[in-house]
Amino acid sequence: MTVTTVPSATNGPRTLPRSPGYGATWSELVEQVRDFGQYPTRAEAERVTRVVLSALGGHVVGDERVDLARALPEEAARVIADQVPATRPLTAQEFVDAVAARRQGATSATARWDVSSVLSVLPSLAGDDLVDRILSQLPPGYALLFGRAELTPTP
């Protein structure tokens, strides 16, 4: 059994027991991203996955951060957990631009593709309920990055 420790904003570090074979593996996650984003190599899909998850890790806080880390493969959980919480929430466009700044040669358009390629596979790993909770703590506009329609109530 492997143990992963992730920070919790409310109760200090939490230890998450994991048994081998828990959920998807890192390789399976990267392959899902590679397939969804149509990346030519596994290495490129892995780089994109790391960059996007590290950016996301700073913006998901509290129990949602812990639950997301628990739902993801151990290596992905570490990428999320190792991030310092952001001092202010980024808009969806600012988030995409922050990812572009982390990827050499990326444009806003390619970064949006990268972000959507990674975030769109998370519901299959984390579940729709957790993704709904994550989206509720992020500014408007992120739902589209997760491959969902962003519905707003009419006045």
C-alpha atoms as a PDB file:
ATOM      1  CA  MET A   1       0.000   0.000   0.000  1.00  0.00           C
ATOM      2  CA  THR A   2       1.227   3.458  -0.894  1.00  0.00           C
ATOM      3  CA  VAL A   3       0.457   6.547   1.167  1.00  0.00           C
ATOM      4  CA  THR A   4       0.099  10.022  -0.252  1.00  0.00           C
ATOM      5  CA  THR A   5      -0.004  13.129   1.924  1.00  0.00           C
ATOM      6  CA  VAL A   6      -1.821  16.154   0.569  1.00  0.00           C
ATOM      7  CA  PRO A   7      -2.400  19.540   2.188  1.00  0.00           C
ATOM      8  CA  SER A   8      -5.840  20.475   3.382  1.00  0.00           C
ATOM      9  CA  ALA A   9      -6.706  24.119   3.849  1.00  0.00           C
ATOM     10  CA  THR A  10      -8.855  23.340   6.862  1.00  0.00           C
ATOM     11  CA  ASN A  11      -7.141  20.611   8.852  1.00  0.00           C
ATOM     12  CA  GLY A  12      -3.455  20.564   7.884  1.00  0.00           C
ATOM     13  CA  PRO A  13      -1.964  17.678   5.881  1.00  0.00           C
ATOM     14  CA  ARG A  14      -4.145  14.642   5.306  1.00  0.00           C
ATOM     15  CA  THR A  15      -2.798  11.196   4.567  1.00  0.00           C
ATOM     16  CA  LEU A  16      -4.604   9.334   1.834  1.00  0.00           C
ATOM     17  CA  PRO A  17      -4.143   5.575   1.828  1.00  0.00           C
ATOM     18  CA  ARG A  18      -3.909   4.146  -1.645  1.00  0.00           C
ATOM     19  CA  SER A  19      -3.686   0.577  -2.647  1.00  0.00           C
ATOM     20  CA  PRO A  20      -2.001  -0.519  -5.868  1.00  0.00           C
ATOM     21  CA  GLY A  21      -4.450  -0.438  -8.746  1.00  0.00           C
ATOM     22  CA  TYR A  22      -6.560   2.306  -7.149  1.00  0.00           C
ATOM     23  CA  GLY A  23      -8.354   3.968 -10.053  1.00  0.00           C
ATOM     24  CA  ALA A  24      -6.413   4.823 -13.167  1.00  0.00           C
ATOM     25  CA  THR A  25      -2.645   4.798 -13.331  1.00  0.00           C
ATOM     26  CA  TRP A  26      -0.509   7.767 -14.377  1.00  0.00           C
ATOM     27  CA  SER A  27       0.124   6.036 -17.711  1.00  0.00           C
ATOM     28  CA  GLU A  28      -3.600   5.580 -18.289  1.00  0.00           C
ATOM     29  CA  LEU A  29      -4.269   9.227 -17.469  1.00  0.00           C
ATOM     30  CA  VAL A  30      -1.563  10.360 -19.878  1.00  0.00           C
ATOM     31  CA  GLU A  31      -2.913   8.036 -22.582  1.00  0.00           C
ATOM     32  CA  GLN A  32      -6.420   9.461 -22.099  1.00  0.00           C
ATOM     33  CA  VAL A  33      -4.993  12.970 -22.499  1.00  0.00           C
ATOM     34  CA  ARG A  34      -2.982  11.850 -25.534  1.00  0.00           C
ATOM     35  CA  ASP A  35      -6.077  10.360 -27.169  1.00  0.00           C
ATOM     36  CA  PHE A  36      -8.353  13.274 -26.324  1.00  0.00           C
ATOM     37  CA  GLY A  37      -5.837  15.938 -27.353  1.00  0.00           C
ATOM     38  CA  GLN A  38      -4.492  13.948 -30.311  1.00  0.00           C
ATOM     39  CA  TYR A  39      -0.900  14.508 -29.212  1.00  0.00           C
ATOM     40  CA  PRO A  40       1.653  12.757 -31.436  1.00  0.00           C
ATOM     41  CA  THR A  41       3.746  11.373 -28.572  1.00  0.00           C
ATOM     42  CA  ARG A  42       3.224  10.148 -25.039  1.00  0.00           C
ATOM     43  CA  ALA A  43       6.004  12.497 -23.879  1.00  0.00           C
ATOM     44  CA  GLU A  44       4.148  15.550 -25.165  1.00  0.00           C
ATOM     45  CA  ALA A  45       0.891  14.394 -23.546  1.00  0.00           C
ATOM     46  CA  GLU A  46       2.766  13.862 -20.272  1.00  0.00           C
ATOM     47  CA  ARG A  47       4.287  17.371 -20.376  1.00  0.00           C
ATOM     48  CA  VAL A  48       0.880  18.902 -21.069  1.00  0.00           C
ATOM     49  CA  THR A  49      -0.720  16.881 -18.272  1.00  0.00           C
ATOM     50  CA  ARG A  50       1.896  18.006 -15.740  1.00  0.00           C
ATOM     51  CA  VAL A  51       1.662  21.677 -16.717  1.00  0.00           C
ATOM     52  CA  VAL A  52      -2.131  21.798 -16.633  1.00  0.00           C
ATOM     53  CA  LEU A  53      -2.460  19.840 -13.379  1.00  0.00           C
ATOM     54  CA  SER A  54       0.162  22.006 -11.694  1.00  0.00           C
ATOM     55  CA  ALA A  55      -1.723  25.136 -12.775  1.00  0.00           C
ATOM     56  CA  LEU A  56      -5.005  23.644 -11.556  1.00  0.00           C
ATOM     57  CA  GLY A  57      -3.441  22.617  -8.240  1.00  0.00           C
ATOM     58  CA  GLY A  58      -3.050  26.208  -7.188  1.00  0.00           C
ATOM     59  CA  HIS A  59      -6.701  27.016  -7.839  1.00  0.00           C
ATOM     60  CA  VAL A  60      -8.507  24.101  -6.250  1.00  0.00           C
ATOM     61  CA  VAL A  61      -8.560  24.381  -2.473  1.00  0.00           C
ATOM     62  CA  GLY A  62     -10.034  22.778   0.627  1.00  0.00           C
ATOM     63  CA  ASP A  63     -11.811  19.450   0.541  1.00  0.00           C
ATOM     64  CA  GLU A  64     -12.127  19.613  -3.239  1.00  0.00           C
ATOM     65  CA  ARG A  65      -8.329  19.676  -3.547  1.00  0.00           C
ATOM     66  CA  VAL A  66      -7.993  16.699  -1.216  1.00  0.00           C
ATOM     67  CA  ASP A  67     -10.769  14.776  -2.969  1.00  0.00           C
ATOM     68  CA  LEU A  68      -9.299  15.516  -6.392  1.00  0.00           C
ATOM     69  CA  ALA A  69      -5.880  14.300  -5.276  1.00  0.00           C
ATOM     70  CA  ARG A  70      -7.523  11.160  -3.883  1.00  0.00           C
ATOM     71  CA  ALA A  71      -9.343  10.496  -7.171  1.00  0.00           C
ATOM     72  CA  LEU A  72      -6.288  10.869  -9.399  1.00  0.00           C
ATOM     73  CA  PRO A  73      -3.323   8.543  -9.865  1.00  0.00           C
ATOM     74  CA  GLU A  74      -0.614   9.049  -7.226  1.00  0.00           C
ATOM     75  CA  GLU A  75       1.760  10.935  -9.514  1.00  0.00           C
ATOM     76  CA  ALA A  76      -1.024  13.307 -10.587  1.00  0.00           C
ATOM     77  CA  ALA A  77      -2.060  13.738  -6.941  1.00  0.00           C
ATOM     78  CA  ARG A  78       1.477  14.864  -6.115  1.00  0.00           C
ATOM     79  CA  VAL A  79       1.456  17.391  -8.963  1.00  0.00           C
ATOM     80  CA  ILE A  80      -1.807  18.855  -7.607  1.00  0.00           C
ATOM     81  CA  ALA A  81      -0.744  18.755  -3.951  1.00  0.00           C
ATOM     82  CA  ASP A  82       2.690  20.297  -4.498  1.00  0.00           C
ATOM     83  CA  GLN A  83       1.223  23.605  -5.636  1.00  0.00           C
ATOM     84  CA  VAL A  84       0.955  26.637  -3.409  1.00  0.00           C
ATOM     85  CA  PRO A  85      -2.617  27.979  -3.364  1.00  0.00           C
ATOM     86  CA  ALA A  86      -3.079  30.996  -5.609  1.00  0.00           C
ATOM     87  CA  THR A  87      -3.446  34.381  -3.966  1.00  0.00           C
ATOM     88  CA  ARG A  88      -6.385  35.244  -6.219  1.00  0.00           C
ATOM     89  CA  PRO A  89      -8.548  33.168  -8.524  1.00  0.00           C
ATOM     90  CA  LEU A  90      -7.755  33.511 -12.199  1.00  0.00           C
ATOM     91  CA  THR A  91     -10.456  33.929 -14.790  1.00  0.00           C
ATOM     92  CA  ALA A  92     -10.649  31.050 -17.242  1.00  0.00           C
ATOM     93  CA  GLN A  93      -8.770  33.109 -19.855  1.00  0.00           C
ATOM     94  CA  GLU A  94      -6.084  34.096 -17.348  1.00  0.00           C
ATOM     95  CA  PHE A  95      -5.737  30.424 -16.417  1.00  0.00           C
ATOM     96  CA  VAL A  96      -5.240  29.491 -20.072  1.00  0.00           C
ATOM     97  CA  ASP A  97      -2.717  32.308 -20.459  1.00  0.00           C
ATOM     98  CA  ALA A  98      -0.860  31.099 -17.345  1.00  0.00           C
ATOM     99  CA  VAL A  99      -0.608  27.641 -18.904  1.00  0.00           C
ATOM    100  CA  ALA A 100       0.626  29.204 -22.168  1.00  0.00           C
ATOM    101  CA  ALA A 101       3.365  30.987 -20.204  1.00  0.00           C
ATOM    102  CA  ARG A 102       4.527  27.625 -18.797  1.00  0.00           C
ATOM    103  CA  ARG A 103       4.721  25.914 -22.204  1.00  0.00           C
ATOM    104  CA  GLN A 104       7.529  26.947 -24.512  1.00  0.00           C
ATOM    105  CA  GLY A 105       6.120  28.162 -27.824  1.00  0.00           C
ATOM    106  CA  ALA A 106       2.498  27.919 -26.700  1.00  0.00           C
ATOM    107  CA  THR A 107      -0.093  30.431 -27.826  1.00  0.00           C
ATOM    108  CA  SER A 108      -3.380  31.167 -26.129  1.00  0.00           C
ATOM    109  CA  ALA A 109      -5.113  28.882 -28.658  1.00  0.00           C
ATOM    110  CA  THR A 110      -2.732  25.953 -28.161  1.00  0.00           C
ATOM    111  CA  ALA A 111      -2.852  26.409 -24.387  1.00  0.00           C
ATOM    112  CA  ARG A 112      -6.656  26.317 -24.479  1.00  0.00           C
ATOM    113  CA  TRP A 113      -6.410  23.037 -26.378  1.00  0.00           C
ATOM    114  CA  ASP A 114      -3.931  21.695 -23.806  1.00  0.00           C
ATOM    115  CA  VAL A 115      -6.076  22.771 -20.858  1.00  0.00           C
ATOM    116  CA  SER A 116      -9.236  21.287 -22.349  1.00  0.00           C
ATOM    117  CA  SER A 117      -7.429  18.074 -23.275  1.00  0.00           C
ATOM    118  CA  VAL A 118      -6.452  17.504 -19.647  1.00  0.00           C
ATOM    119  CA  LEU A 119      -9.461  18.909 -17.809  1.00  0.00           C
ATOM    120  CA  SER A 120     -11.947  17.079 -20.044  1.00  0.00           C
ATOM    121  CA  VAL A 121     -10.640  13.693 -18.890  1.00  0.00           C
ATOM    122  CA  LEU A 122     -10.893  14.543 -15.172  1.00  0.00           C
ATOM    123  CA  PRO A 123     -14.644  13.809 -14.835  1.00  0.00           C
ATOM    124  CA  SER A 124     -14.031  10.192 -15.861  1.00  0.00           C
ATOM    125  CA  LEU A 125     -11.503   9.879 -13.025  1.00  0.00           C
ATOM    126  CA  ALA A 126     -12.901  12.182 -10.354  1.00  0.00           C
ATOM    127  CA  GLY A 127     -16.611  11.910 -11.062  1.00  0.00           C
ATOM    128  CA  ASP A 128     -19.133  14.518 -12.073  1.00  0.00           C
ATOM    129  CA  ASP A 129     -20.075  15.447  -8.484  1.00  0.00           C
ATOM    130  CA  LEU A 130     -16.502  16.395  -7.579  1.00  0.00           C
ATOM    131  CA  VAL A 131     -16.053  18.306 -10.832  1.00  0.00           C
ATOM    132  CA  ASP A 132     -19.276  20.204 -10.044  1.00  0.00           C
ATOM    133  CA  ARG A 133     -17.858  21.108  -6.622  1.00  0.00           C
ATOM    134  CA  ILE A 134     -14.568  22.216  -8.181  1.00  0.00           C
ATOM    135  CA  LEU A 135     -16.373  24.335 -10.763  1.00  0.00           C
ATOM    136  CA  SER A 136     -18.449  25.969  -8.026  1.00  0.00           C
ATOM    137  CA  GLN A 137     -15.279  27.378  -6.442  1.00  0.00           C
ATOM    138  CA  LEU A 138     -13.757  28.613  -9.712  1.00  0.00           C
ATOM    139  CA  PRO A 139     -14.763  31.794 -11.548  1.00  0.00           C
ATOM    140  CA  PRO A 140     -17.225  31.530 -14.464  1.00  0.00           C
ATOM    141  CA  GLY A 141     -15.808  30.192 -17.722  1.00  0.00           C
ATOM    142  CA  TYR A 142     -14.045  27.083 -16.426  1.00  0.00           C
ATOM    143  CA  ALA A 143     -16.894  24.698 -17.294  1.00  0.00           C
ATOM    144  CA  LEU A 144     -16.021  24.972 -20.974  1.00  0.00           C
ATOM    145  CA  LEU A 145     -12.434  24.006 -20.170  1.00  0.00           C
ATOM    146  CA  PHE A 146     -13.776  20.844 -18.530  1.00  0.00           C
ATOM    147  CA  GLY A 147     -15.759  20.070 -21.680  1.00  0.00           C
ATOM    148  CA  ARG A 148     -19.099  21.170 -20.258  1.00  0.00           C
ATOM    149  CA  ALA A 149     -21.643  23.756 -21.258  1.00  0.00           C
ATOM    150  CA  GLU A 150     -21.729  26.698 -18.898  1.00  0.00           C
ATOM    151  CA  LEU A 151     -25.371  27.386 -18.265  1.00  0.00           C
ATOM    152  CA  THR A 152     -26.348  30.649 -16.652  1.00  0.00           C
ATOM    153  CA  PRO A 153     -29.802  31.379 -15.278  1.00  0.00           C
ATOM    154  CA  THR A 154     -31.894  33.868 -17.204  1.00  0.00           C
ATOM    155  CA  PRO A 155     -33.166  36.912 -15.299  1.00  0.00           C
END
